[in-house]
Amino acid sequence: MELRHLRYFAAIAEERHFGRAAQSLGIAQPPLSKQLQDLERELGYPLFDRSRRPVELTAAGTALLGHVRSLFENLEIAVRDTRRAGAGHSGRVAIGYPSSLAYSGLSRILRAFRERSPEVAIEVQELPPAHQIEALKRGDLDVGFVRTPLHEPQLASENIRNEKLVLALPADHRLAIRERVALSAVAREPFVFFPRARGPGFFDFLMAFCRDSGFTPQIVQEAPQIDVLALVAAGFGLSILPDSVRELRRADIVLRPIIGSPTTELRVVWRSGDPSPAVARFIETVRKVGVKRGRRKLA
């Protein structure tokens, strides 16, 4: 039994006339009659009472018509869903992000993507960069956002933002009155940083920047990046952070530009050659919307 047999049967059932059915299908009547006979022979029962005008469905034909209509409705849904999935309008995207991105563009990206592809299921998880990279390689994540150089052949990445680094100080620190601070001025100060294991690339970049300024920072406390702010405010030490932490608007710390204006890259990361159209559509949204504060560029 072929799908065209059922389509021919449905056309005859709709028209109740072989000639009109053949015309609607764009074929000659003899081939249509032959195809219906083949279907009846396979099923073992006549589907139409040909002695009546217009032709009428037999009991077997009536039973088959209900199933055929349901079949074509489901087929139409399957074709529609297949096309939507192929265009990236359905499916699933699992996204990892660093805590700082939650305050500097992630919500704008997610809102824009949901507007463009509302049927795509989105899963988000806050993870440090090192964990994101491992999850991407395992297939647990589809997309990540990291501030770290990448040397992973399994992963592709793209720079979406160059962000200035700032010095975080307690509000009552002696250098808080300055508009800009040279790192050499804080060479003897205690520092608070995130553990290297959470983002080795970014951590090493910060250490190299300090060494280029003539010192190795004395790290007295380690904590996740958002918790670093609380420790700075409590007077444990200073820290170097991406400028996006300004979005937290804390009154108990001040953020000062660093002389020399060092920057770090924020990169979107995904598996090389990922065939998922939904993932490709999300990456496209990231490119169009971006994560620059104070600006919104919707597709």
C-alpha atoms as a PDB file:
ATOM      1  CA  MET A   1       0.000   0.000   0.000  1.00  0.00           C
ATOM      2  CA  GLU A   2       1.382   3.374  -1.016  1.00  0.00           C
ATOM      3  CA  LEU A   3       0.451   6.841   0.169  1.00  0.00           C
ATOM      4  CA  ARG A   4      -0.808   7.776  -3.285  1.00  0.00           C
ATOM      5  CA  HIS A   5      -3.364   4.953  -3.118  1.00  0.00           C
ATOM      6  CA  LEU A   6      -4.830   6.524  -0.007  1.00  0.00           C
ATOM      7  CA  ARG A   7      -4.718  10.004  -1.526  1.00  0.00           C
ATOM      8  CA  TYR A   8      -6.628   8.756  -4.583  1.00  0.00           C
ATOM      9  CA  PHE A   9      -9.148   6.995  -2.348  1.00  0.00           C
ATOM     10  CA  ALA A  10      -9.683  10.173  -0.302  1.00  0.00           C
ATOM     11  CA  ALA A  11     -10.232  12.243  -3.464  1.00  0.00           C
ATOM     12  CA  ILE A  12     -12.917   9.845  -4.738  1.00  0.00           C
ATOM     13  CA  ALA A  13     -14.579   9.817  -1.313  1.00  0.00           C
ATOM     14  CA  GLU A  14     -14.621  13.611  -1.321  1.00  0.00           C
ATOM     15  CA  GLU A  15     -15.998  14.007  -4.875  1.00  0.00           C
ATOM     16  CA  ARG A  16     -18.193  10.866  -4.922  1.00  0.00           C
ATOM     17  CA  HIS A  17     -17.350  10.743  -8.621  1.00  0.00           C
ATOM     18  CA  PHE A  18     -14.377   9.126 -10.384  1.00  0.00           C
ATOM     19  CA  GLY A  19     -14.200  11.697 -13.190  1.00  0.00           C
ATOM     20  CA  ARG A  20     -14.199  14.745 -10.897  1.00  0.00           C
ATOM     21  CA  ALA A  21     -11.706  13.066  -8.559  1.00  0.00           C
ATOM     22  CA  ALA A  22      -9.351  12.381 -11.477  1.00  0.00           C
ATOM     23  CA  GLN A  23      -9.675  16.002 -12.581  1.00  0.00           C
ATOM     24  CA  SER A  24      -8.887  17.319  -9.080  1.00  0.00           C
ATOM     25  CA  LEU A  25      -5.822  15.057  -8.907  1.00  0.00           C
ATOM     26  CA  GLY A  26      -4.641  16.029 -12.360  1.00  0.00           C
ATOM     27  CA  ILE A  27      -4.619  12.474 -13.744  1.00  0.00           C
ATOM     28  CA  ALA A  28      -6.710  10.518 -16.214  1.00  0.00           C
ATOM     29  CA  GLN A  29      -9.668   8.487 -14.931  1.00  0.00           C
ATOM     30  CA  PRO A  30      -8.477   4.998 -16.071  1.00  0.00           C
ATOM     31  CA  PRO A  31      -5.241   5.111 -14.012  1.00  0.00           C
ATOM     32  CA  LEU A  32      -7.263   6.363 -11.027  1.00  0.00           C
ATOM     33  CA  SER A  33      -9.686   3.451 -11.310  1.00  0.00           C
ATOM     34  CA  LYS A  34      -6.766   1.037 -11.631  1.00  0.00           C
ATOM     35  CA  GLN A  35      -5.069   2.392  -8.503  1.00  0.00           C
ATOM     36  CA  LEU A  36      -8.297   2.075  -6.510  1.00  0.00           C
ATOM     37  CA  GLN A  37      -8.772  -1.497  -7.687  1.00  0.00           C
ATOM     38  CA  ASP A  38      -5.232  -2.309  -6.551  1.00  0.00           C
ATOM     39  CA  LEU A  39      -6.038  -0.874  -3.109  1.00  0.00           C
ATOM     40  CA  GLU A  40      -9.298  -2.836  -2.858  1.00  0.00           C
ATOM     41  CA  ARG A  41      -7.536  -5.994  -3.911  1.00  0.00           C
ATOM     42  CA  GLU A  42      -4.904  -5.505  -1.197  1.00  0.00           C
ATOM     43  CA  LEU A  43      -7.526  -4.848   1.476  1.00  0.00           C
ATOM     44  CA  GLY A  44      -9.811  -7.632   0.298  1.00  0.00           C
ATOM     45  CA  TYR A  45     -13.007  -5.553   0.261  1.00  0.00           C
ATOM     46  CA  PRO A  46     -14.680  -3.036  -2.085  1.00  0.00           C
ATOM     47  CA  LEU A  47     -14.469   0.521  -0.834  1.00  0.00           C
ATOM     48  CA  PHE A  48     -17.208   2.046  -3.021  1.00  0.00           C
ATOM     49  CA  ASP A  49     -20.616   0.947  -4.260  1.00  0.00           C
ATOM     50  CA  ARG A  50     -20.187   1.730  -7.947  1.00  0.00           C
ATOM     51  CA  SER A  51     -23.790   0.788  -8.810  1.00  0.00           C
ATOM     52  CA  ARG A  52     -25.090   4.002  -7.298  1.00  0.00           C
ATOM     53  CA  ARG A  53     -24.833   7.543  -8.590  1.00  0.00           C
ATOM     54  CA  PRO A  54     -23.049   9.302  -7.050  1.00  0.00           C
ATOM     55  CA  VAL A  55     -20.870   6.456  -5.847  1.00  0.00           C
ATOM     56  CA  GLU A  56     -21.146   5.742  -2.143  1.00  0.00           C
ATOM     57  CA  LEU A  57     -18.729   4.387   0.424  1.00  0.00           C
ATOM     58  CA  THR A  58     -19.157   0.829   1.581  1.00  0.00           C
ATOM     59  CA  ALA A  59     -18.840  -0.022   5.278  1.00  0.00           C
ATOM     60  CA  ALA A  60     -15.187  -0.856   4.672  1.00  0.00           C
ATOM     61  CA  GLY A  61     -14.694   2.438   2.816  1.00  0.00           C
ATOM     62  CA  THR A  62     -16.309   4.433   5.633  1.00  0.00           C
ATOM     63  CA  ALA A  63     -14.008   2.811   8.191  1.00  0.00           C
ATOM     64  CA  LEU A  64     -10.936   3.493   6.056  1.00  0.00           C
ATOM     65  CA  LEU A  65     -11.862   7.131   5.350  1.00  0.00           C
ATOM     66  CA  GLY A  66     -11.787   8.087   9.035  1.00  0.00           C
ATOM     67  CA  HIS A  67      -8.287   6.695   9.412  1.00  0.00           C
ATOM     68  CA  VAL A  68      -7.087   8.228   6.151  1.00  0.00           C
ATOM     69  CA  ARG A  69      -8.250  11.700   7.191  1.00  0.00           C
ATOM     70  CA  SER A  70      -6.478  11.320  10.521  1.00  0.00           C
ATOM     71  CA  LEU A  71      -3.371  10.054   8.714  1.00  0.00           C
ATOM     72  CA  PHE A  72      -3.213  13.074   6.408  1.00  0.00           C
ATOM     73  CA  GLU A  73      -3.817  15.477   9.290  1.00  0.00           C
ATOM     74  CA  ASN A  74      -0.917  13.897  11.188  1.00  0.00           C
ATOM     75  CA  LEU A  75       1.206  13.946   8.060  1.00  0.00           C
ATOM     76  CA  GLU A  76       0.546  17.655   7.626  1.00  0.00           C
ATOM     77  CA  ILE A  77       1.540  18.254  11.238  1.00  0.00           C
ATOM     78  CA  ALA A  78       4.682  16.152  10.756  1.00  0.00           C
ATOM     79  CA  VAL A  79       5.684  18.147   7.664  1.00  0.00           C
ATOM     80  CA  ARG A  80       5.050  21.448   9.453  1.00  0.00           C
ATOM     81  CA  ASP A  81       7.004  20.384  12.543  1.00  0.00           C
ATOM     82  CA  THR A  82       9.854  19.053  10.413  1.00  0.00           C
ATOM     83  CA  ARG A  83      10.121  22.352   8.568  1.00  0.00           C
ATOM     84  CA  ARG A  84      10.018  24.335  11.821  1.00  0.00           C
ATOM     85  CA  ALA A  85      12.713  22.156  13.340  1.00  0.00           C
ATOM     86  CA  GLY A  86      14.810  22.460  10.192  1.00  0.00           C
ATOM     87  CA  ALA A  87      14.506  26.253  10.371  1.00  0.00           C
ATOM     88  CA  GLY A  88      15.459  26.287  14.049  1.00  0.00           C
ATOM     89  CA  HIS A  89      11.987  27.243  15.318  1.00  0.00           C
ATOM     90  CA  SER A  90      11.654  24.178  17.562  1.00  0.00           C
ATOM     91  CA  GLY A  91      13.951  21.894  19.496  1.00  0.00           C
ATOM     92  CA  ARG A  92      16.082  22.516  22.592  1.00  0.00           C
ATOM     93  CA  VAL A  93      19.051  24.700  23.451  1.00  0.00           C
ATOM     94  CA  ALA A  94      20.994  24.225  26.712  1.00  0.00           C
ATOM     95  CA  ILE A  95      22.961  27.360  27.632  1.00  0.00           C
ATOM     96  CA  GLY A  96      25.730  27.869  30.156  1.00  0.00           C
ATOM     97  CA  TYR A  97      26.763  31.315  31.380  1.00  0.00           C
ATOM     98  CA  PRO A  98      29.091  32.949  33.929  1.00  0.00           C
ATOM     99  CA  SER A  99      27.390  34.707  36.840  1.00  0.00           C
ATOM    100  CA  SER A 100      28.466  38.155  35.657  1.00  0.00           C
ATOM    101  CA  LEU A 101      26.616  37.745  32.344  1.00  0.00           C
ATOM    102  CA  ALA A 102      23.306  37.511  34.191  1.00  0.00           C
ATOM    103  CA  TYR A 103      23.648  41.245  34.852  1.00  0.00           C
ATOM    104  CA  SER A 104      25.055  42.360  31.504  1.00  0.00           C
ATOM    105  CA  GLY A 105      23.095  41.078  28.545  1.00  0.00           C
ATOM    106  CA  LEU A 106      21.910  37.507  29.058  1.00  0.00           C
ATOM    107  CA  SER A 107      18.275  38.457  29.669  1.00  0.00           C
ATOM    108  CA  ARG A 108      18.261  40.598  26.508  1.00  0.00           C
ATOM    109  CA  ILE A 109      19.583  37.688  24.443  1.00  0.00           C
ATOM    110  CA  LEU A 110      17.095  35.198  25.886  1.00  0.00           C
ATOM    111  CA  ARG A 111      14.137  37.546  25.383  1.00  0.00           C
ATOM    112  CA  ALA A 112      15.080  38.195  21.757  1.00  0.00           C
ATOM    113  CA  PHE A 113      15.518  34.476  21.064  1.00  0.00           C
ATOM    114  CA  ARG A 114      12.173  33.590  22.670  1.00  0.00           C
ATOM    115  CA  GLU A 115      10.473  36.233  20.526  1.00  0.00           C
ATOM    116  CA  ARG A 116      12.027  34.759  17.385  1.00  0.00           C
ATOM    117  CA  SER A 117      11.642  31.066  18.288  1.00  0.00           C
ATOM    118  CA  PRO A 118       8.974  30.691  21.004  1.00  0.00           C
ATOM    119  CA  GLU A 119       8.663  26.919  20.536  1.00  0.00           C
ATOM    120  CA  VAL A 120      12.324  26.185  21.273  1.00  0.00           C
ATOM    121  CA  ALA A 121      12.856  24.852  24.800  1.00  0.00           C
ATOM    122  CA  ILE A 122      15.597  26.826  26.584  1.00  0.00           C
ATOM    123  CA  GLU A 123      17.597  25.521  29.536  1.00  0.00           C
ATOM    124  CA  VAL A 124      20.022  27.878  31.286  1.00  0.00           C
ATOM    125  CA  GLN A 125      22.617  27.054  33.910  1.00  0.00           C
ATOM    126  CA  GLU A 126      25.157  29.241  35.690  1.00  0.00           C
ATOM    127  CA  LEU A 127      28.544  27.554  35.391  1.00  0.00           C
ATOM    128  CA  PRO A 128      32.165  28.703  35.606  1.00  0.00           C
ATOM    129  CA  PRO A 129      34.006  28.723  32.264  1.00  0.00           C
ATOM    130  CA  ALA A 130      35.979  25.510  32.864  1.00  0.00           C
ATOM    131  CA  HIS A 131      32.800  23.592  33.670  1.00  0.00           C
ATOM    132  CA  GLN A 132      31.052  25.053  30.626  1.00  0.00           C
ATOM    133  CA  ILE A 133      33.801  23.845  28.320  1.00  0.00           C
ATOM    134  CA  GLU A 134      33.669  20.321  29.700  1.00  0.00           C
ATOM    135  CA  ALA A 135      29.862  20.271  29.502  1.00  0.00           C
ATOM    136  CA  LEU A 136      30.004  21.457  25.892  1.00  0.00           C
ATOM    137  CA  LYS A 137      32.417  18.677  24.964  1.00  0.00           C
ATOM    138  CA  ARG A 138      30.202  16.082  26.679  1.00  0.00           C
ATOM    139  CA  GLY A 139      27.099  17.376  24.919  1.00  0.00           C
ATOM    140  CA  ASP A 140      25.397  18.486  28.152  1.00  0.00           C
ATOM    141  CA  LEU A 141      25.467  22.102  26.938  1.00  0.00           C
ATOM    142  CA  ASP A 142      24.868  23.463  23.450  1.00  0.00           C
ATOM    143  CA  VAL A 143      26.131  27.024  23.956  1.00  0.00           C
ATOM    144  CA  GLY A 144      28.366  28.713  26.517  1.00  0.00           C
ATOM    145  CA  PHE A 145      29.737  32.166  27.319  1.00  0.00           C
ATOM    146  CA  VAL A 146      33.302  32.407  28.591  1.00  0.00           C
ATOM    147  CA  ARG A 147      36.038  34.949  29.211  1.00  0.00           C
ATOM    148  CA  THR A 148      38.952  32.747  28.371  1.00  0.00           C
ATOM    149  CA  PRO A 149      41.170  31.883  25.387  1.00  0.00           C
ATOM    150  CA  LEU A 150      40.105  28.616  23.781  1.00  0.00           C
ATOM    151  CA  HIS A 151      42.325  25.911  22.320  1.00  0.00           C
ATOM    152  CA  GLU A 152      39.752  23.151  21.925  1.00  0.00           C
ATOM    153  CA  PRO A 153      39.422  21.649  18.417  1.00  0.00           C
ATOM    154  CA  GLN A 154      35.950  20.334  19.311  1.00  0.00           C
ATOM    155  CA  LEU A 155      34.668  23.836  20.010  1.00  0.00           C
ATOM    156  CA  ALA A 156      34.034  26.927  17.931  1.00  0.00           C
ATOM    157  CA  SER A 157      33.866  30.397  19.451  1.00  0.00           C
ATOM    158  CA  GLU A 158      33.315  33.993  18.497  1.00  0.00           C
ATOM    159  CA  ASN A 159      34.137  37.220  20.297  1.00  0.00           C
ATOM    160  CA  ILE A 160      30.944  39.138  21.033  1.00  0.00           C
ATOM    161  CA  ARG A 161      32.231  41.805  23.379  1.00  0.00           C
ATOM    162  CA  ASN A 162      35.481  43.494  24.381  1.00  0.00           C
ATOM    163  CA  GLU A 163      35.029  44.513  27.991  1.00  0.00           C
ATOM    164  CA  LYS A 164      37.258  46.769  30.054  1.00  0.00           C
ATOM    165  CA  LEU A 165      38.660  45.481  33.310  1.00  0.00           C
ATOM    166  CA  VAL A 166      38.186  47.578  36.441  1.00  0.00           C
ATOM    167  CA  LEU A 167      39.695  47.632  39.919  1.00  0.00           C
ATOM    168  CA  ALA A 168      37.145  46.869  42.658  1.00  0.00           C
ATOM    169  CA  LEU A 169      37.824  48.606  45.994  1.00  0.00           C
ATOM    170  CA  PRO A 170      35.906  49.052  49.238  1.00  0.00           C
ATOM    171  CA  ALA A 171      34.048  52.364  49.219  1.00  0.00           C
ATOM    172  CA  ASP A 172      36.233  53.686  52.037  1.00  0.00           C
ATOM    173  CA  HIS A 173      39.569  52.691  50.440  1.00  0.00           C
ATOM    174  CA  ARG A 174      42.211  55.409  50.187  1.00  0.00           C
ATOM    175  CA  LEU A 175      42.299  55.092  46.376  1.00  0.00           C
ATOM    176  CA  ALA A 176      38.519  55.295  45.954  1.00  0.00           C
ATOM    177  CA  ILE A 177      38.735  59.054  45.403  1.00  0.00           C
ATOM    178  CA  ARG A 178      40.842  58.602  42.265  1.00  0.00           C
ATOM    179  CA  GLU A 179      39.193  58.548  38.848  1.00  0.00           C
ATOM    180  CA  ARG A 180      41.706  56.014  37.492  1.00  0.00           C
ATOM    181  CA  VAL A 181      44.184  53.747  39.232  1.00  0.00           C
ATOM    182  CA  ALA A 182      47.499  52.266  38.114  1.00  0.00           C
ATOM    183  CA  LEU A 183      47.931  48.644  39.131  1.00  0.00           C
ATOM    184  CA  SER A 184      51.389  49.466  40.440  1.00  0.00           C
ATOM    185  CA  ALA A 185      49.658  51.579  43.116  1.00  0.00           C
ATOM    186  CA  VAL A 186      48.067  48.472  44.635  1.00  0.00           C
ATOM    187  CA  ALA A 187      50.989  46.077  44.286  1.00  0.00           C
ATOM    188  CA  ARG A 188      51.229  45.601  48.069  1.00  0.00           C
ATOM    189  CA  GLU A 189      47.473  45.272  48.642  1.00  0.00           C
ATOM    190  CA  PRO A 190      45.741  41.952  49.429  1.00  0.00           C
ATOM    191  CA  PHE A 191      43.556  40.602  46.601  1.00  0.00           C
ATOM    192  CA  VAL A 192      40.406  38.517  46.335  1.00  0.00           C
ATOM    193  CA  PHE A 193      40.012  36.360  43.212  1.00  0.00           C
ATOM    194  CA  PHE A 194      37.935  33.487  41.925  1.00  0.00           C
ATOM    195  CA  PRO A 195      39.635  30.043  42.102  1.00  0.00           C
ATOM    196  CA  ARG A 196      41.785  29.298  39.062  1.00  0.00           C
ATOM    197  CA  ALA A 197      39.902  26.017  38.498  1.00  0.00           C
ATOM    198  CA  ARG A 198      36.734  27.976  37.654  1.00  0.00           C
ATOM    199  CA  GLY A 199      38.372  29.737  34.701  1.00  0.00           C
ATOM    200  CA  PRO A 200      42.053  28.927  34.140  1.00  0.00           C
ATOM    201  CA  GLY A 201      42.380  31.028  30.984  1.00  0.00           C
ATOM    202  CA  PHE A 202      40.919  34.213  32.448  1.00  0.00           C
ATOM    203  CA  PHE A 203      42.732  33.702  35.764  1.00  0.00           C
ATOM    204  CA  ASP A 204      46.087  33.306  34.000  1.00  0.00           C
ATOM    205  CA  PHE A 205      45.359  36.385  31.892  1.00  0.00           C
ATOM    206  CA  LEU A 206      44.782  38.458  35.048  1.00  0.00           C
ATOM    207  CA  MET A 207      47.939  37.121  36.708  1.00  0.00           C
ATOM    208  CA  ALA A 208      50.001  37.897  33.603  1.00  0.00           C
ATOM    209  CA  PHE A 209      48.589  41.423  33.510  1.00  0.00           C
ATOM    210  CA  CYS A 210      49.612  41.960  37.148  1.00  0.00           C
ATOM    211  CA  ARG A 211      53.094  40.577  36.491  1.00  0.00           C
ATOM    212  CA  ASP A 212      53.428  42.963  33.522  1.00  0.00           C
ATOM    213  CA  SER A 213      52.663  45.742  36.029  1.00  0.00           C
ATOM    214  CA  GLY A 214      55.558  44.615  38.193  1.00  0.00           C
ATOM    215  CA  PHE A 215      54.010  42.422  40.884  1.00  0.00           C
ATOM    216  CA  THR A 216      52.328  39.122  41.677  1.00  0.00           C
ATOM    217  CA  PRO A 217      49.068  39.682  43.560  1.00  0.00           C
ATOM    218  CA  GLN A 218      48.836  38.432  47.119  1.00  0.00           C
ATOM    219  CA  ILE A 219      45.593  36.419  47.039  1.00  0.00           C
ATOM    220  CA  VAL A 220      44.125  36.168  50.546  1.00  0.00           C
ATOM    221  CA  GLN A 221      40.635  34.864  49.681  1.00  0.00           C
ATOM    222  CA  GLU A 222      39.005  32.964  46.806  1.00  0.00           C
ATOM    223  CA  ALA A 223      35.315  32.909  45.924  1.00  0.00           C
ATOM    224  CA  PRO A 224      32.956  32.756  42.924  1.00  0.00           C
ATOM    225  CA  GLN A 225      33.042  36.011  40.972  1.00  0.00           C
ATOM    226  CA  ILE A 226      29.787  37.460  42.357  1.00  0.00           C
ATOM    227  CA  ASP A 227      30.860  36.594  45.932  1.00  0.00           C
ATOM    228  CA  VAL A 228      34.168  38.346  45.309  1.00  0.00           C
ATOM    229  CA  LEU A 229      32.286  41.665  45.455  1.00  0.00           C
ATOM    230  CA  ALA A 230      30.979  40.903  48.939  1.00  0.00           C
ATOM    231  CA  LEU A 231      34.495  40.093  50.144  1.00  0.00           C
ATOM    232  CA  VAL A 232      35.858  43.301  48.627  1.00  0.00           C
ATOM    233  CA  ALA A 233      33.095  45.297  50.327  1.00  0.00           C
ATOM    234  CA  ALA A 234      33.955  43.599  53.634  1.00  0.00           C
ATOM    235  CA  GLY A 235      37.553  44.793  53.325  1.00  0.00           C
ATOM    236  CA  PHE A 236      39.271  41.451  52.664  1.00  0.00           C
ATOM    237  CA  GLY A 237      41.079  42.811  49.624  1.00  0.00           C
ATOM    238  CA  LEU A 238      40.840  44.321  46.166  1.00  0.00           C
ATOM    239  CA  SER A 239      39.965  42.575  42.900  1.00  0.00           C
ATOM    240  CA  ILE A 240      40.089  42.970  39.129  1.00  0.00           C
ATOM    241  CA  LEU A 241      36.761  42.340  37.433  1.00  0.00           C
ATOM    242  CA  PRO A 242      34.955  42.883  34.119  1.00  0.00           C
ATOM    243  CA  ASP A 243      33.265  46.271  33.899  1.00  0.00           C
ATOM    244  CA  SER A 244      29.842  44.565  33.613  1.00  0.00           C
ATOM    245  CA  VAL A 245      29.784  44.106  37.409  1.00  0.00           C
ATOM    246  CA  ARG A 246      28.665  47.762  37.494  1.00  0.00           C
ATOM    247  CA  GLU A 247      25.199  46.435  36.769  1.00  0.00           C
ATOM    248  CA  LEU A 248      25.031  45.186  40.378  1.00  0.00           C
ATOM    249  CA  ARG A 249      25.096  48.822  41.572  1.00  0.00           C
ATOM    250  CA  ARG A 250      26.578  48.213  45.012  1.00  0.00           C
ATOM    251  CA  ALA A 251      27.085  51.282  47.208  1.00  0.00           C
ATOM    252  CA  ASP A 252      29.718  49.611  49.377  1.00  0.00           C
ATOM    253  CA  ILE A 253      32.295  49.204  46.615  1.00  0.00           C
ATOM    254  CA  VAL A 254      33.735  51.462  43.927  1.00  0.00           C
ATOM    255  CA  LEU A 255      34.945  50.377  40.504  1.00  0.00           C
ATOM    256  CA  ARG A 256      37.784  52.366  38.997  1.00  0.00           C
ATOM    257  CA  PRO A 257      39.216  52.193  35.474  1.00  0.00           C
ATOM    258  CA  ILE A 258      42.741  50.841  35.321  1.00  0.00           C
ATOM    259  CA  ILE A 259      45.366  52.998  33.678  1.00  0.00           C
ATOM    260  CA  GLY A 260      46.217  51.357  30.377  1.00  0.00           C
ATOM    261  CA  SER A 261      42.575  50.293  29.804  1.00  0.00           C
ATOM    262  CA  PRO A 262      43.097  46.507  29.740  1.00  0.00           C
ATOM    263  CA  THR A 263      40.261  44.540  28.173  1.00  0.00           C
ATOM    264  CA  THR A 264      39.013  40.986  28.124  1.00  0.00           C
ATOM    265  CA  GLU A 265      36.980  39.163  25.491  1.00  0.00           C
ATOM    266  CA  LEU A 266      33.559  37.667  26.132  1.00  0.00           C
ATOM    267  CA  ARG A 267      33.115  34.742  23.727  1.00  0.00           C
ATOM    268  CA  VAL A 268      30.116  32.647  22.757  1.00  0.00           C
ATOM    269  CA  VAL A 269      31.120  28.989  22.403  1.00  0.00           C
ATOM    270  CA  TRP A 270      29.494  25.981  20.759  1.00  0.00           C
ATOM    271  CA  ARG A 271      30.500  22.587  19.409  1.00  0.00           C
ATOM    272  CA  SER A 272      32.175  22.691  16.012  1.00  0.00           C
ATOM    273  CA  GLY A 273      29.859  21.373  13.322  1.00  0.00           C
ATOM    274  CA  ASP A 274      26.803  21.185  15.607  1.00  0.00           C
ATOM    275  CA  PRO A 275      23.975  20.293  13.181  1.00  0.00           C
ATOM    276  CA  SER A 276      21.179  21.693  15.376  1.00  0.00           C
ATOM    277  CA  PRO A 277      19.264  24.459  13.535  1.00  0.00           C
ATOM    278  CA  ALA A 278      17.991  25.736  16.910  1.00  0.00           C
ATOM    279  CA  VAL A 279      21.567  26.221  18.114  1.00  0.00           C
ATOM    280  CA  ALA A 280      22.499  27.976  14.864  1.00  0.00           C
ATOM    281  CA  ARG A 281      19.506  30.272  15.282  1.00  0.00           C
ATOM    282  CA  PHE A 282      20.529  31.070  18.858  1.00  0.00           C
ATOM    283  CA  ILE A 283      24.074  31.944  17.749  1.00  0.00           C
ATOM    284  CA  GLU A 284      22.563  34.178  15.064  1.00  0.00           C
ATOM    285  CA  THR A 285      20.482  35.917  17.748  1.00  0.00           C
ATOM    286  CA  VAL A 286      23.585  36.466  19.894  1.00  0.00           C
ATOM    287  CA  ARG A 287      25.337  38.088  16.931  1.00  0.00           C
ATOM    288  CA  LYS A 288      22.406  40.392  16.206  1.00  0.00           C
ATOM    289  CA  VAL A 289      21.473  41.362  19.751  1.00  0.00           C
ATOM    290  CA  GLY A 290      24.895  41.349  21.373  1.00  0.00           C
ATOM    291  CA  VAL A 291      25.510  42.006  25.045  1.00  0.00           C
ATOM    292  CA  LYS A 292      26.501  45.662  25.050  1.00  0.00           C
ATOM    293  CA  ARG A 293      24.953  47.468  27.967  1.00  0.00           C
ATOM    294  CA  GLY A 294      22.461  50.198  27.228  1.00  0.00           C
ATOM    295  CA  ARG A 295      21.827  49.108  23.636  1.00  0.00           C
ATOM    296  CA  ARG A 296      19.299  46.741  22.134  1.00  0.00           C
ATOM    297  CA  LYS A 297      19.440  45.528  18.553  1.00  0.00           C
ATOM    298  CA  LEU A 298      16.587  43.173  17.886  1.00  0.00           C
ATOM    299  CA  ALA A 299      16.283  41.031  14.739  1.00  0.00           C
END
